[in-house]
Amino acid sequence: FLNLQSPMKDNSIQWTSMIAAPSNMKEDDVSAPNVDVELNFVHGIRIGDCRQTLRYNEDGNVLYIVSTLGVIYLRSEVTQLYYRGHKNALISIDVDSTGKIAATGELDDNPE
């Protein structure tokens, strides 16, 4: 219950006097980390705003798009191959009737 008739004491003075700057503090390192990043496996598929974004090639492997990547999932080897030639988000993929040639399309004002 709060008594509005009496002014509240400011207890912050009690603990603020105990604050001290950190000792032996290192300066922030804002440089890029020295690591080699490698794409290991892509999870997910773009389906929220596109249709038919998964296809099969002549070998029965799965082809699909994620972000700027065209992905071939090699089912027998449980591994993936990636096409990284796009700069913008992919919105379409198709495979010819023989299953040998695939094409992807990116979202851009001036697509390549």
PDB file of N, CA and C in Angstrom:
ATOM      1  N   PHE A   1       0.843  -1.173   0.000  1.00  0.00           N
ATOM      2  CA  PHE A   1       0.000   0.000   0.000  1.00  0.00           C
ATOM      3  C   PHE A   1       0.882   1.227   0.000  1.00  0.00           C
ATOM      4  N   LEU A   2       0.612   2.163  -0.885  1.00  0.00           N
ATOM      5  CA  LEU A   2       1.423   3.360  -1.042  1.00  0.00           C
ATOM      6  C   LEU A   2       0.731   4.529  -0.367  1.00  0.00           C
ATOM      7  N   ASN A   3       1.448   5.165   0.519  1.00  0.00           N
ATOM      8  CA  ASN A   3       0.914   6.334   1.211  1.00  0.00           C
ATOM      9  C   ASN A   3       1.274   7.562   0.385  1.00  0.00           C
ATOM     10  N   LEU A   4       0.297   8.150  -0.276  1.00  0.00           N
ATOM     11  CA  LEU A   4       0.549   9.303  -1.131  1.00  0.00           C
ATOM     12  C   LEU A   4       0.769  10.585  -0.348  1.00  0.00           C
ATOM     13  N   GLN A   5       0.521  10.564   0.941  1.00  0.00           N
ATOM     14  CA  GLN A   5       0.677  11.754   1.763  1.00  0.00           C
ATOM     15  C   GLN A   5       2.132  12.011   2.131  1.00  0.00           C
ATOM     16  N   SER A   6       2.923  10.944   2.242  1.00  0.00           N
ATOM     17  CA  SER A   6       4.318  11.144   2.652  1.00  0.00           C
ATOM     18  C   SER A   6       5.229  10.993   1.436  1.00  0.00           C
ATOM     19  N   PRO A   7       6.238  11.834   1.323  1.00  0.00           N
ATOM     20  CA  PRO A   7       7.159  11.730   0.182  1.00  0.00           C
ATOM     21  C   PRO A   7       7.995  10.452   0.293  1.00  0.00           C
ATOM     22  N   MET A   8       8.293   9.837  -0.853  1.00  0.00           N
ATOM     23  CA  MET A   8       9.110   8.624  -0.860  1.00  0.00           C
ATOM     24  C   MET A   8      10.581   9.004  -0.781  1.00  0.00           C
ATOM     25  N   LYS A   9      11.349   8.181  -0.090  1.00  0.00           N
ATOM     26  CA  LYS A   9      12.779   8.411   0.000  1.00  0.00           C
ATOM     27  C   LYS A   9      13.444   7.924  -1.274  1.00  0.00           C
ATOM     28  N   ASP A  10      14.509   8.605  -1.690  1.00  0.00           N
ATOM     29  CA  ASP A  10      15.271   8.183  -2.865  1.00  0.00           C
ATOM     30  C   ASP A  10      16.372   7.250  -2.399  1.00  0.00           C
ATOM     31  N   ASN A  11      16.132   5.929  -2.553  1.00  0.00           N
ATOM     32  CA  ASN A  11      17.098   4.929  -2.113  1.00  0.00           C
ATOM     33  C   ASN A  11      18.242   4.728  -3.097  1.00  0.00           C
ATOM     34  N   SER A  12      18.173   5.357  -4.264  1.00  0.00           N
ATOM     35  CA  SER A  12      19.203   5.151  -5.261  1.00  0.00           C
ATOM     36  C   SER A  12      20.553   5.702  -4.804  1.00  0.00           C
ATOM     37  N   ILE A  13      20.558   6.660  -3.943  1.00  0.00           N
ATOM     38  CA  ILE A  13      21.821   7.237  -3.456  1.00  0.00           C
ATOM     39  C   ILE A  13      22.613   6.189  -2.694  1.00  0.00           C
ATOM     40  N   GLN A  14      21.941   5.301  -2.010  1.00  0.00           N
ATOM     41  CA  GLN A  14      22.629   4.283  -1.217  1.00  0.00           C
ATOM     42  C   GLN A  14      23.480   3.365  -2.086  1.00  0.00           C
ATOM     43  N   TRP A  15      22.987   2.900  -3.202  1.00  0.00           N
ATOM     44  CA  TRP A  15      23.753   1.957  -4.006  1.00  0.00           C
ATOM     45  C   TRP A  15      24.614   2.622  -5.063  1.00  0.00           C
ATOM     46  N   THR A  16      24.264   3.832  -5.517  1.00  0.00           N
ATOM     47  CA  THR A  16      25.087   4.486  -6.537  1.00  0.00           C
ATOM     48  C   THR A  16      26.464   4.853  -6.009  1.00  0.00           C
ATOM     49  N   SER A  17      26.573   5.039  -4.723  1.00  0.00           N
ATOM     50  CA  SER A  17      27.894   5.365  -4.168  1.00  0.00           C
ATOM     51  C   SER A  17      28.808   4.150  -4.174  1.00  0.00           C
ATOM     52  N   MET A  18      28.271   2.960  -4.375  1.00  0.00           N
ATOM     53  CA  MET A  18      29.063   1.738  -4.374  1.00  0.00           C
ATOM     54  C   MET A  18      29.546   1.342  -5.783  1.00  0.00           C
ATOM     55  N   ILE A  19      29.136   2.066  -6.813  1.00  0.00           N
ATOM     56  CA  ILE A  19      29.510   1.725  -8.183  1.00  0.00           C
ATOM     57  C   ILE A  19      30.941   2.182  -8.454  1.00  0.00           C
ATOM     58  N   ALA A  20      31.714   1.315  -9.083  1.00  0.00           N
ATOM     59  CA  ALA A  20      33.092   1.637  -9.459  1.00  0.00           C
ATOM     60  C   ALA A  20      33.321   1.200 -10.894  1.00  0.00           C
ATOM     61  N   ALA A  21      34.240   1.857 -11.557  1.00  0.00           N
ATOM     62  CA  ALA A  21      34.577   1.483 -12.932  1.00  0.00           C
ATOM     63  C   ALA A  21      35.253   0.118 -12.937  1.00  0.00           C
ATOM     64  N   PRO A  22      35.052  -0.680 -13.998  1.00  0.00           N
ATOM     65  CA  PRO A  22      35.692  -1.994 -14.062  1.00  0.00           C
ATOM     66  C   PRO A  22      37.217  -1.855 -14.068  1.00  0.00           C
ATOM     67  N   SER A  23      37.872  -2.792 -13.418  1.00  0.00           N
ATOM     68  CA  SER A  23      39.333  -2.788 -13.428  1.00  0.00           C
ATOM     69  C   SER A  23      39.825  -3.759 -14.492  1.00  0.00           C
ATOM     70  N   ASN A  24      40.969  -3.501 -15.064  1.00  0.00           N
ATOM     71  CA  ASN A  24      41.579  -4.333 -16.102  1.00  0.00           C
ATOM     72  C   ASN A  24      40.651  -4.559 -17.293  1.00  0.00           C
ATOM     73  N   MET A  25      39.925  -3.541 -17.683  1.00  0.00           N
ATOM     74  CA  MET A  25      38.989  -3.667 -18.802  1.00  0.00           C
ATOM     75  C   MET A  25      39.744  -3.519 -20.121  1.00  0.00           C
ATOM     76  N   LYS A  26      39.513  -4.460 -21.037  1.00  0.00           N
ATOM     77  CA  LYS A  26      40.140  -4.414 -22.353  1.00  0.00           C
ATOM     78  C   LYS A  26      39.278  -3.580 -23.288  1.00  0.00           C
ATOM     79  N   GLU A  27      39.941  -2.932 -24.241  1.00  0.00           N
ATOM     80  CA  GLU A  27      39.197  -2.153 -25.224  1.00  0.00           C
ATOM     81  C   GLU A  27      38.469  -3.091 -26.174  1.00  0.00           C
ATOM     82  N   ASP A  28      37.324  -2.652 -26.686  1.00  0.00           N
ATOM     83  CA  ASP A  28      36.539  -3.452 -27.621  1.00  0.00           C
ATOM     84  C   ASP A  28      37.316  -3.673 -28.914  1.00  0.00           C
ATOM     85  N   ASP A  29      37.301  -4.889 -29.380  1.00  0.00           N
ATOM     86  CA  ASP A  29      37.912  -5.229 -30.658  1.00  0.00           C
ATOM     87  C   ASP A  29      36.814  -5.208 -31.702  1.00  0.00           C
ATOM     88  N   VAL A  30      36.834  -4.205 -32.572  1.00  0.00           N
ATOM     89  CA  VAL A  30      35.772  -4.051 -33.563  1.00  0.00           C
ATOM     90  C   VAL A  30      36.176  -4.612 -34.928  1.00  0.00           C
ATOM     91  N   SER A  31      37.324  -5.254 -34.997  1.00  0.00           N
ATOM     92  CA  SER A  31      37.746  -5.848 -36.266  1.00  0.00           C
ATOM     93  C   SER A  31      36.972  -7.144 -36.531  1.00  0.00           C
ATOM     94  N   ALA A  32      36.958  -7.544 -37.783  1.00  0.00           N
ATOM     95  CA  ALA A  32      36.263  -8.780 -38.160  1.00  0.00           C
ATOM     96  C   ALA A  32      36.986  -9.975 -37.545  1.00  0.00           C
ATOM     97  N   PRO A  33      36.253 -10.991 -37.122  1.00  0.00           N
ATOM     98  CA  PRO A  33      36.903 -12.167 -36.545  1.00  0.00           C
ATOM     99  C   PRO A  33      37.727 -12.911 -37.602  1.00  0.00           C
ATOM    100  N   ASN A  34      38.784 -13.525 -37.157  1.00  0.00           N
ATOM    101  CA  ASN A  34      39.651 -14.280 -38.053  1.00  0.00           C
ATOM    102  C   ASN A  34      39.183 -15.733 -38.107  1.00  0.00           C
ATOM    103  N   VAL A  35      38.115 -15.957 -38.883  1.00  0.00           N
ATOM    104  CA  VAL A  35      37.548 -17.302 -39.016  1.00  0.00           C
ATOM    105  C   VAL A  35      37.250 -17.581 -40.479  1.00  0.00           C
ATOM    106  N   ASP A  36      37.288 -18.833 -40.834  1.00  0.00           N
ATOM    107  CA  ASP A  36      36.880 -19.264 -42.161  1.00  0.00           C
ATOM    108  C   ASP A  36      35.496 -19.882 -42.038  1.00  0.00           C
ATOM    109  N   VAL A  37      34.512 -19.253 -42.659  1.00  0.00           N
ATOM    110  CA  VAL A  37      33.138 -19.733 -42.592  1.00  0.00           C
ATOM    111  C   VAL A  37      32.861 -20.573 -43.828  1.00  0.00           C
ATOM    112  N   GLU A  38      32.240 -21.693 -43.614  1.00  0.00           N
ATOM    113  CA  GLU A  38      31.954 -22.628 -44.699  1.00  0.00           C
ATOM    114  C   GLU A  38      30.484 -23.032 -44.625  1.00  0.00           C
ATOM    115  N   LEU A  39      29.823 -23.016 -45.768  1.00  0.00           N
ATOM    116  CA  LEU A  39      28.429 -23.441 -45.825  1.00  0.00           C
ATOM    117  C   LEU A  39      28.380 -24.950 -45.690  1.00  0.00           C
ATOM    118  N   ASN A  40      27.680 -25.423 -44.681  1.00  0.00           N
ATOM    119  CA  ASN A  40      27.648 -26.847 -44.385  1.00  0.00           C
ATOM    120  C   ASN A  40      26.367 -27.514 -44.891  1.00  0.00           C
ATOM    121  N   PHE A  41      25.230 -26.913 -44.604  1.00  0.00           N
ATOM    122  CA  PHE A  41      23.949 -27.492 -45.013  1.00  0.00           C
ATOM    123  C   PHE A  41      22.889 -26.396 -44.951  1.00  0.00           C
ATOM    124  N   VAL A  42      22.051 -26.326 -45.965  1.00  0.00           N
ATOM    125  CA  VAL A  42      20.990 -25.322 -46.017  1.00  0.00           C
ATOM    126  C   VAL A  42      19.683 -25.979 -45.611  1.00  0.00           C
ATOM    127  N   HIS A  43      19.015 -25.378 -44.648  1.00  0.00           N
ATOM    128  CA  HIS A  43      17.708 -25.867 -44.194  1.00  0.00           C
ATOM    129  C   HIS A  43      16.644 -24.863 -44.614  1.00  0.00           C
ATOM    130  N   GLY A  44      15.509 -25.336 -45.020  1.00  0.00           N
ATOM    131  CA  GLY A  44      14.402 -24.464 -45.378  1.00  0.00           C
ATOM    132  C   GLY A  44      14.251 -24.327 -46.878  1.00  0.00           C
ATOM    133  N   ILE A  45      13.158 -23.676 -47.270  1.00  0.00           N
ATOM    134  CA  ILE A  45      12.841 -23.474 -48.677  1.00  0.00           C
ATOM    135  C   ILE A  45      11.939 -22.254 -48.767  1.00  0.00           C
ATOM    136  N   ARG A  46      12.052 -21.504 -49.846  1.00  0.00           N
ATOM    137  CA  ARG A  46      11.207 -20.321 -50.017  1.00  0.00           C
ATOM    138  C   ARG A  46       9.841 -20.750 -50.550  1.00  0.00           C
ATOM    139  N   ILE A  47       8.810 -20.628 -49.721  1.00  0.00           N
ATOM    140  CA  ILE A  47       7.458 -20.984 -50.161  1.00  0.00           C
ATOM    141  C   ILE A  47       6.419 -19.943 -49.764  1.00  0.00           C
ATOM    142  N   GLY A  48       6.798 -18.980 -48.946  1.00  0.00           N
ATOM    143  CA  GLY A  48       5.824 -18.018 -48.439  1.00  0.00           C
ATOM    144  C   GLY A  48       5.212 -17.142 -49.505  1.00  0.00           C
ATOM    145  N   ASP A  49       5.988 -16.753 -50.500  1.00  0.00           N
ATOM    146  CA  ASP A  49       5.481 -15.848 -51.519  1.00  0.00           C
ATOM    147  C   ASP A  49       5.720 -16.365 -52.945  1.00  0.00           C
ATOM    148  N   CYS A  50       6.125 -17.601 -53.061  1.00  0.00           N
ATOM    149  CA  CYS A  50       6.390 -18.210 -54.379  1.00  0.00           C
ATOM    150  C   CYS A  50       5.738 -19.580 -54.440  1.00  0.00           C
ATOM    151  N   ARG A  51       5.498 -20.036 -55.665  1.00  0.00           N
ATOM    152  CA  ARG A  51       4.961 -21.381 -55.858  1.00  0.00           C
ATOM    153  C   ARG A  51       5.925 -22.211 -56.680  1.00  0.00           C
ATOM    154  N   GLN A  52       5.845 -23.505 -56.518  1.00  0.00           N
ATOM    155  CA  GLN A  52       6.641 -24.455 -57.286  1.00  0.00           C
ATOM    156  C   GLN A  52       8.137 -24.160 -57.175  1.00  0.00           C
ATOM    157  N   THR A  53       8.619 -24.036 -55.956  1.00  0.00           N
ATOM    158  CA  THR A  53      10.031 -23.731 -55.730  1.00  0.00           C
ATOM    159  C   THR A  53      10.846 -24.977 -55.409  1.00  0.00           C
ATOM    160  N   LEU A  54      10.291 -26.136 -55.674  1.00  0.00           N
ATOM    161  CA  LEU A  54      10.996 -27.398 -55.499  1.00  0.00           C
ATOM    162  C   LEU A  54      10.793 -28.224 -56.758  1.00  0.00           C
ATOM    163  N   ARG A  55      11.901 -28.738 -57.287  1.00  0.00           N
ATOM    164  CA  ARG A  55      11.861 -29.542 -58.509  1.00  0.00           C
ATOM    165  C   ARG A  55      12.766 -30.754 -58.342  1.00  0.00           C
ATOM    166  N   TYR A  56      12.650 -31.690 -59.272  1.00  0.00           N
ATOM    167  CA  TYR A  56      13.529 -32.864 -59.305  1.00  0.00           C
ATOM    168  C   TYR A  56      14.287 -32.867 -60.624  1.00  0.00           C
ATOM    169  N   ASN A  57      15.537 -33.311 -60.576  1.00  0.00           N
ATOM    170  CA  ASN A  57      16.293 -33.448 -61.815  1.00  0.00           C
ATOM    171  C   ASN A  57      16.202 -34.891 -62.320  1.00  0.00           C
ATOM    172  N   GLU A  58      16.923 -35.194 -63.393  1.00  0.00           N
ATOM    173  CA  GLU A  58      16.828 -36.524 -64.006  1.00  0.00           C
ATOM    174  C   GLU A  58      17.318 -37.638 -63.090  1.00  0.00           C
ATOM    175  N   ASP A  59      18.168 -37.319 -62.123  1.00  0.00           N
ATOM    176  CA  ASP A  59      18.693 -38.320 -61.194  1.00  0.00           C
ATOM    177  C   ASP A  59      17.822 -38.493 -59.956  1.00  0.00           C
ATOM    178  N   GLY A  60      16.723 -37.736 -59.885  1.00  0.00           N
ATOM    179  CA  GLY A  60      15.840 -37.817 -58.725  1.00  0.00           C
ATOM    180  C   GLY A  60      16.300 -36.969 -57.558  1.00  0.00           C
ATOM    181  N   ASN A  61      17.317 -36.119 -57.784  1.00  0.00           N
ATOM    182  CA  ASN A  61      17.768 -35.216 -56.727  1.00  0.00           C
ATOM    183  C   ASN A  61      16.835 -34.016 -56.639  1.00  0.00           C
ATOM    184  N   VAL A  62      16.762 -33.421 -55.463  1.00  0.00           N
ATOM    185  CA  VAL A  62      15.848 -32.317 -55.204  1.00  0.00           C
ATOM    186  C   VAL A  62      16.551 -30.990 -55.471  1.00  0.00           C
ATOM    187  N   LEU A  63      15.906 -30.115 -56.250  1.00  0.00           N
ATOM    188  CA  LEU A  63      16.413 -28.773 -56.521  1.00  0.00           C
ATOM    189  C   LEU A  63      15.448 -27.779 -55.897  1.00  0.00           C
ATOM    190  N   TYR A  64      15.974 -26.796 -55.176  1.00  0.00           N
ATOM    191  CA  TYR A  64      15.123 -25.777 -54.571  1.00  0.00           C
ATOM    192  C   TYR A  64      15.906 -24.495 -54.345  1.00  0.00           C
ATOM    193  N   ILE A  65      15.181 -23.421 -53.978  1.00  0.00           N
ATOM    194  CA  ILE A  65      15.816 -22.124 -53.766  1.00  0.00           C
ATOM    195  C   ILE A  65      15.653 -21.684 -52.316  1.00  0.00           C
ATOM    196  N   VAL A  66      16.704 -21.051 -51.815  1.00  0.00           N
ATOM    197  CA  VAL A  66      16.711 -20.476 -50.479  1.00  0.00           C
ATOM    198  C   VAL A  66      17.535 -19.193 -50.555  1.00  0.00           C
ATOM    199  N   SER A  67      16.936 -18.076 -50.224  1.00  0.00           N
ATOM    200  CA  SER A  67      17.634 -16.797 -50.234  1.00  0.00           C
ATOM    201  C   SER A  67      18.255 -16.563 -51.610  1.00  0.00           C
ATOM    202  N   THR A  68      19.572 -16.455 -51.702  1.00  0.00           N
ATOM    203  CA  THR A  68      20.243 -16.240 -52.984  1.00  0.00           C
ATOM    204  C   THR A  68      20.854 -17.522 -53.539  1.00  0.00           C
ATOM    205  N   LEU A  69      20.540 -18.646 -52.944  1.00  0.00           N
ATOM    206  CA  LEU A  69      21.148 -19.917 -53.317  1.00  0.00           C
ATOM    207  C   LEU A  69      20.199 -20.808 -54.106  1.00  0.00           C
ATOM    208  N   GLY A  70      20.745 -21.442 -55.130  1.00  0.00           N
ATOM    209  CA  GLY A  70      20.089 -22.565 -55.765  1.00  0.00           C
ATOM    210  C   GLY A  70      20.705 -23.818 -55.159  1.00  0.00           C
ATOM    211  N   VAL A  71      19.886 -24.723 -54.652  1.00  0.00           N
ATOM    212  CA  VAL A  71      20.387 -25.890 -53.918  1.00  0.00           C
ATOM    213  C   VAL A  71      20.003 -27.172 -54.652  1.00  0.00           C
ATOM    214  N   ILE A  72      20.960 -28.078 -54.763  1.00  0.00           N
ATOM    215  CA  ILE A  72      20.689 -29.434 -55.239  1.00  0.00           C
ATOM    216  C   ILE A  72      20.968 -30.368 -54.075  1.00  0.00           C
ATOM    217  N   TYR A  73      19.943 -31.049 -53.625  1.00  0.00           N
ATOM    218  CA  TYR A  73      20.097 -32.021 -52.542  1.00  0.00           C
ATOM    219  C   TYR A  73      20.317 -33.393 -53.167  1.00  0.00           C
ATOM    220  N   LEU A  74      21.518 -33.922 -52.965  1.00  0.00           N
ATOM    221  CA  LEU A  74      21.863 -35.243 -53.483  1.00  0.00           C
ATOM    222  C   LEU A  74      21.363 -36.283 -52.495  1.00  0.00           C
ATOM    223  N   ARG A  75      20.243 -36.868 -52.800  1.00  0.00           N
ATOM    224  CA  ARG A  75      19.565 -37.772 -51.862  1.00  0.00           C
ATOM    225  C   ARG A  75      20.410 -38.987 -51.507  1.00  0.00           C
ATOM    226  N   SER A  76      21.081 -39.574 -52.469  1.00  0.00           N
ATOM    227  CA  SER A  76      21.851 -40.794 -52.195  1.00  0.00           C
ATOM    228  C   SER A  76      23.071 -40.532 -51.310  1.00  0.00           C
ATOM    229  N   GLU A  77      23.588 -39.301 -51.363  1.00  0.00           N
ATOM    230  CA  GLU A  77      24.780 -38.971 -50.580  1.00  0.00           C
ATOM    231  C   GLU A  77      24.466 -38.136 -49.338  1.00  0.00           C
ATOM    232  N   VAL A  78      23.218 -37.718 -49.196  1.00  0.00           N
ATOM    233  CA  VAL A  78      22.772 -36.855 -48.101  1.00  0.00           C
ATOM    234  C   VAL A  78      23.705 -35.639 -47.978  1.00  0.00           C
ATOM    235  N   THR A  79      23.888 -34.967 -49.101  1.00  0.00           N
ATOM    236  CA  THR A  79      24.714 -33.762 -49.152  1.00  0.00           C
ATOM    237  C   THR A  79      24.097 -32.790 -50.147  1.00  0.00           C
ATOM    238  N   GLN A  80      24.641 -31.580 -50.215  1.00  0.00           N
ATOM    239  CA  GLN A  80      24.083 -30.555 -51.080  1.00  0.00           C
ATOM    240  C   GLN A  80      25.164 -29.913 -51.950  1.00  0.00           C
ATOM    241  N   LEU A  81      24.732 -29.446 -53.112  1.00  0.00           N
ATOM    242  CA  LEU A  81      25.549 -28.604 -53.978  1.00  0.00           C
ATOM    243  C   LEU A  81      24.854 -27.255 -54.047  1.00  0.00           C
ATOM    244  N   TYR A  82      25.629 -26.170 -54.230  1.00  0.00           N
ATOM    245  CA  TYR A  82      25.053 -24.827 -54.197  1.00  0.00           C
ATOM    246  C   TYR A  82      25.441 -24.035 -55.437  1.00  0.00           C
ATOM    247  N   TYR A  83      24.471 -23.313 -55.983  1.00  0.00           N
ATOM    248  CA  TYR A  83      24.760 -22.321 -57.005  1.00  0.00           C
ATOM    249  C   TYR A  83      24.703 -20.974 -56.312  1.00  0.00           C
ATOM    250  N   ARG A  84      25.813 -20.232 -56.360  1.00  0.00           N
ATOM    251  CA  ARG A  84      25.928 -18.959 -55.635  1.00  0.00           C
ATOM    252  C   ARG A  84      26.060 -17.759 -56.561  1.00  0.00           C
ATOM    253  N   GLY A  85      25.582 -17.864 -57.774  1.00  0.00           N
ATOM    254  CA  GLY A  85      25.782 -16.802 -58.759  1.00  0.00           C
ATOM    255  C   GLY A  85      24.802 -15.654 -58.694  1.00  0.00           C
ATOM    256  N   HIS A  86      23.860 -15.679 -57.789  1.00  0.00           N
ATOM    257  CA  HIS A  86      22.885 -14.593 -57.682  1.00  0.00           C
ATOM    258  C   HIS A  86      23.256 -13.635 -56.557  1.00  0.00           C
ATOM    259  N   LYS A  87      22.898 -12.366 -56.755  1.00  0.00           N
ATOM    260  CA  LYS A  87      23.151 -11.347 -55.735  1.00  0.00           C
ATOM    261  C   LYS A  87      21.892 -11.020 -54.933  1.00  0.00           C
ATOM    262  N   ASN A  88      20.741 -11.292 -55.518  1.00  0.00           N
ATOM    263  CA  ASN A  88      19.465 -10.962 -54.886  1.00  0.00           C
ATOM    264  C   ASN A  88      18.660 -12.226 -54.632  1.00  0.00           C
ATOM    265  N   ALA A  89      17.574 -12.058 -53.893  1.00  0.00           N
ATOM    266  CA  ALA A  89      16.733 -13.194 -53.508  1.00  0.00           C
ATOM    267  C   ALA A  89      16.174 -13.911 -54.734  1.00  0.00           C
ATOM    268  N   LEU A  90      16.205 -15.222 -54.697  1.00  0.00           N
ATOM    269  CA  LEU A  90      15.637 -16.035 -55.775  1.00  0.00           C
ATOM    270  C   LEU A  90      14.137 -16.191 -55.557  1.00  0.00           C
ATOM    271  N   ILE A  91      13.387 -16.120 -56.664  1.00  0.00           N
ATOM    272  CA  ILE A  91      11.935 -16.258 -56.560  1.00  0.00           C
ATOM    273  C   ILE A  91      11.383 -17.341 -57.472  1.00  0.00           C
ATOM    274  N   SER A  92      12.246 -17.938 -58.310  1.00  0.00           N
ATOM    275  CA  SER A  92      11.736 -18.973 -59.209  1.00  0.00           C
ATOM    276  C   SER A  92      12.820 -19.984 -59.542  1.00  0.00           C
ATOM    277  N   ILE A  93      12.353 -21.189 -59.862  1.00  0.00           N
ATOM    278  CA  ILE A  93      13.229 -22.266 -60.316  1.00  0.00           C
ATOM    279  C   ILE A  93      12.420 -23.146 -61.252  1.00  0.00           C
ATOM    280  N   ASP A  94      13.093 -23.661 -62.281  1.00  0.00           N
ATOM    281  CA  ASP A  94      12.425 -24.596 -63.173  1.00  0.00           C
ATOM    282  C   ASP A  94      13.467 -25.540 -63.755  1.00  0.00           C
ATOM    283  N   VAL A  95      13.005 -26.694 -64.192  1.00  0.00           N
ATOM    284  CA  VAL A  95      13.857 -27.716 -64.788  1.00  0.00           C
ATOM    285  C   VAL A  95      13.230 -28.098 -66.120  1.00  0.00           C
ATOM    286  N   ASP A  96      14.061 -28.286 -67.146  1.00  0.00           N
ATOM    287  CA  ASP A  96      13.523 -28.654 -68.457  1.00  0.00           C
ATOM    288  C   ASP A  96      12.917 -30.061 -68.414  1.00  0.00           C
ATOM    289  N   SER A  97      12.244 -30.437 -69.463  1.00  0.00           N
ATOM    290  CA  SER A  97      11.506 -31.703 -69.477  1.00  0.00           C
ATOM    291  C   SER A  97      12.415 -32.929 -69.374  1.00  0.00           C
ATOM    292  N   THR A  98      13.679 -32.795 -69.718  1.00  0.00           N
ATOM    293  CA  THR A  98      14.611 -33.926 -69.597  1.00  0.00           C
ATOM    294  C   THR A  98      15.184 -34.037 -68.183  1.00  0.00           C
ATOM    295  N   GLY A  99      15.061 -32.966 -67.390  1.00  0.00           N
ATOM    296  CA  GLY A  99      15.613 -32.968 -66.042  1.00  0.00           C
ATOM    297  C   GLY A  99      17.108 -32.706 -66.003  1.00  0.00           C
ATOM    298  N   LYS A 100      17.672 -32.275 -67.132  1.00  0.00           N
ATOM    299  CA  LYS A 100      19.122 -32.050 -67.204  1.00  0.00           C
ATOM    300  C   LYS A 100      19.525 -30.596 -66.998  1.00  0.00           C
ATOM    301  N   ILE A 101      18.617 -29.658 -67.295  1.00  0.00           N
ATOM    302  CA  ILE A 101      18.944 -28.234 -67.217  1.00  0.00           C
ATOM    303  C   ILE A 101      17.974 -27.548 -66.259  1.00  0.00           C
ATOM    304  N   ALA A 102      18.536 -26.778 -65.340  1.00  0.00           N
ATOM    305  CA  ALA A 102      17.724 -26.020 -64.392  1.00  0.00           C
ATOM    306  C   ALA A 102      18.013 -24.537 -64.567  1.00  0.00           C
ATOM    307  N   ALA A 103      17.019 -23.719 -64.257  1.00  0.00           N
ATOM    308  CA  ALA A 103      17.168 -22.264 -64.316  1.00  0.00           C
ATOM    309  C   ALA A 103      16.545 -21.657 -63.064  1.00  0.00           C
ATOM    310  N   THR A 104      17.190 -20.607 -62.549  1.00  0.00           N
ATOM    311  CA  THR A 104      16.667 -19.887 -61.390  1.00  0.00           C
ATOM    312  C   THR A 104      16.487 -18.430 -61.762  1.00  0.00           C
ATOM    313  N   GLY A 105      15.583 -17.758 -61.078  1.00  0.00           N
ATOM    314  CA  GLY A 105      15.331 -16.343 -61.340  1.00  0.00           C
ATOM    315  C   GLY A 105      15.370 -15.548 -60.065  1.00  0.00           C
ATOM    316  N   GLU A 106      16.038 -14.380 -60.129  1.00  0.00           N
ATOM    317  CA  GLU A 106      16.162 -13.546 -58.935  1.00  0.00           C
ATOM    318  C   GLU A 106      15.265 -12.339 -58.999  1.00  0.00           C
ATOM    319  N   LEU A 107      14.973 -11.768 -57.860  1.00  0.00           N
ATOM    320  CA  LEU A 107      14.147 -10.588 -57.728  1.00  0.00           C
ATOM    321  C   LEU A 107      15.040  -9.357 -57.812  1.00  0.00           C
ATOM    322  N   ASP A 108      14.857  -8.552 -58.878  1.00  0.00           N
ATOM    323  CA  ASP A 108      15.696  -7.383 -59.076  1.00  0.00           C
ATOM    324  C   ASP A 108      15.043  -6.485 -60.101  1.00  0.00           C
ATOM    325  N   ASP A 109      15.332  -5.188 -60.027  1.00  0.00           N
ATOM    326  CA  ASP A 109      14.830  -4.260 -61.032  1.00  0.00           C
ATOM    327  C   ASP A 109      15.477  -4.527 -62.394  1.00  0.00           C
ATOM    328  N   ASN A 110      16.748  -4.951 -62.367  1.00  0.00           N
ATOM    329  CA  ASN A 110      17.495  -5.267 -63.586  1.00  0.00           C
ATOM    330  C   ASN A 110      18.156  -6.627 -63.434  1.00  0.00           C
ATOM    331  N   PRO A 111      17.387  -7.724 -63.522  1.00  0.00           N
ATOM    332  CA  PRO A 111      17.986  -9.044 -63.305  1.00  0.00           C
ATOM    333  C   PRO A 111      19.009  -9.382 -64.373  1.00  0.00           C
ATOM    334  N   GLU A 112      19.983 -10.198 -64.001  1.00  0.00           N
ATOM    335  CA  GLU A 112      21.040 -10.610 -64.920  1.00  0.00           C
ATOM    336  C   GLU A 112      20.661 -11.905 -65.607  1.00  0.00           C
TER     337      GLU A 112
END
